């Protein structure tokens, strides 16, 4: 039995759907802006997709260290409540 393969298209679809639920545009989440709500949205997505192989690419071409920074709570080390 082979492990479940997560495609880039599936990840992009998930990111788009979650951005819609969070009332944000996918391009805004993938962009360089560091507003509080966009950073929070990226952290939520990073947490939900932490096992996906191409999460950095799905969040605007970010590398693994950016994703780790978001998962660890950012500049102040604050983890997201409820995650």
Protein backbone atom coordinates (compact mmCIF):
# COMPACT_ATOMS: atom_id res chain seq x y z
CA UNK A 1 0.00 0.00 0.00
CA UNK A 2 1.52 3.34 -1.03
CA UNK A 3 1.32 6.45 1.17
CA UNK A 4 -1.16 9.14 0.25
CA UNK A 5 0.36 11.51 -2.30
CA UNK A 6 -0.46 15.17 -1.73
CA UNK A 7 -0.23 17.12 -4.97
CA UNK A 8 0.62 20.78 -5.37
CA UNK A 9 -2.80 21.31 -6.93
CA UNK A 10 -4.54 19.81 -3.89
CA UNK A 11 -2.55 22.04 -1.55
CA UNK A 12 -3.28 25.13 -3.65
CA UNK A 13 -7.00 24.27 -3.62
CA UNK A 14 -6.95 23.84 0.15
CA UNK A 15 -5.11 27.15 0.65
CA UNK A 16 -7.63 28.90 -1.59
CA UNK A 17 -10.60 27.42 0.27
CA UNK A 18 -9.18 28.28 3.71
CA UNK A 19 -8.38 31.83 2.59
CA UNK A 20 -12.00 32.18 1.49
CA UNK A 21 -13.14 30.97 4.94
CA UNK A 22 -10.80 33.49 6.59
CA UNK A 23 -12.13 36.26 4.28
CA UNK A 24 -8.71 36.82 2.72
CA UNK A 25 -7.47 36.55 -0.83
CA UNK A 26 -5.00 33.76 -1.58
CA UNK A 27 -2.69 36.25 -3.30
CA UNK A 28 -2.62 38.41 -0.16
CA UNK A 29 -1.62 35.41 1.97
CA UNK A 30 1.09 34.50 -0.53
CA UNK A 31 2.35 38.08 -0.78
CA UNK A 32 5.07 39.83 1.23
CA UNK A 33 2.81 41.89 3.52
CA UNK A 34 3.28 41.26 7.25
CA UNK A 35 0.03 42.61 8.61
CA UNK A 36 -1.22 40.86 11.72
CA UNK A 37 -4.16 39.14 10.03
CA UNK A 38 -2.05 37.85 7.13
CA UNK A 39 0.69 36.55 9.43
CA UNK A 40 -1.98 34.82 11.52
CA UNK A 41 -3.55 33.29 8.39
CA UNK A 42 -0.14 32.02 7.24
CA UNK A 43 0.48 30.51 10.68
CA UNK A 44 -2.90 28.78 10.63
CA UNK A 45 -2.22 27.36 7.17
CA UNK A 46 1.31 26.33 8.14
CA UNK A 47 -0.05 24.52 11.16
CA UNK A 48 -2.75 22.75 9.18
CA UNK A 49 -0.38 21.79 6.34
CA UNK A 50 2.76 21.13 8.37
CA UNK A 51 3.20 17.66 6.89
CA UNK A 52 2.67 18.71 3.28
CA UNK A 53 5.89 18.47 1.28
CA UNK A 54 5.51 21.75 -0.63
CA UNK A 55 3.89 24.04 1.91
CA UNK A 56 6.45 26.81 1.39
CA UNK A 57 5.69 26.90 -2.31
CA UNK A 58 1.95 27.01 -1.58
CA UNK A 59 2.42 30.02 0.72
CA UNK A 60 4.18 32.21 -1.79
CA UNK A 61 7.54 30.55 -2.32
CA UNK A 62 8.65 30.74 1.30
CA UNK A 63 11.35 28.43 2.55
CA UNK A 64 11.19 26.00 5.46
CA UNK A 65 12.62 28.44 8.00
CA UNK A 66 9.69 30.83 7.46
CA UNK A 67 7.26 27.99 8.07
CA UNK A 68 9.13 26.91 11.22
CA UNK A 69 9.13 30.52 12.46
CA UNK A 70 5.34 30.67 12.04
CA UNK A 71 4.82 27.35 13.80
CA UNK A 72 6.98 28.42 16.74
CA UNK A 73 4.96 31.56 17.28
CA UNK A 74 6.77 34.28 15.37
CA UNK A 75 8.79 37.11 16.82
CA UNK A 76 7.31 36.93 20.29
CA UNK A 77 7.04 33.15 20.53
CA UNK A 78 3.27 33.29 20.84
CA UNK A 79 1.56 30.15 19.68
CA UNK A 80 -1.89 30.43 18.14
CA UNK A 81 -4.68 29.76 20.58
CA UNK A 82 -6.66 26.63 19.88
CA UNK A 83 -4.03 24.96 17.70
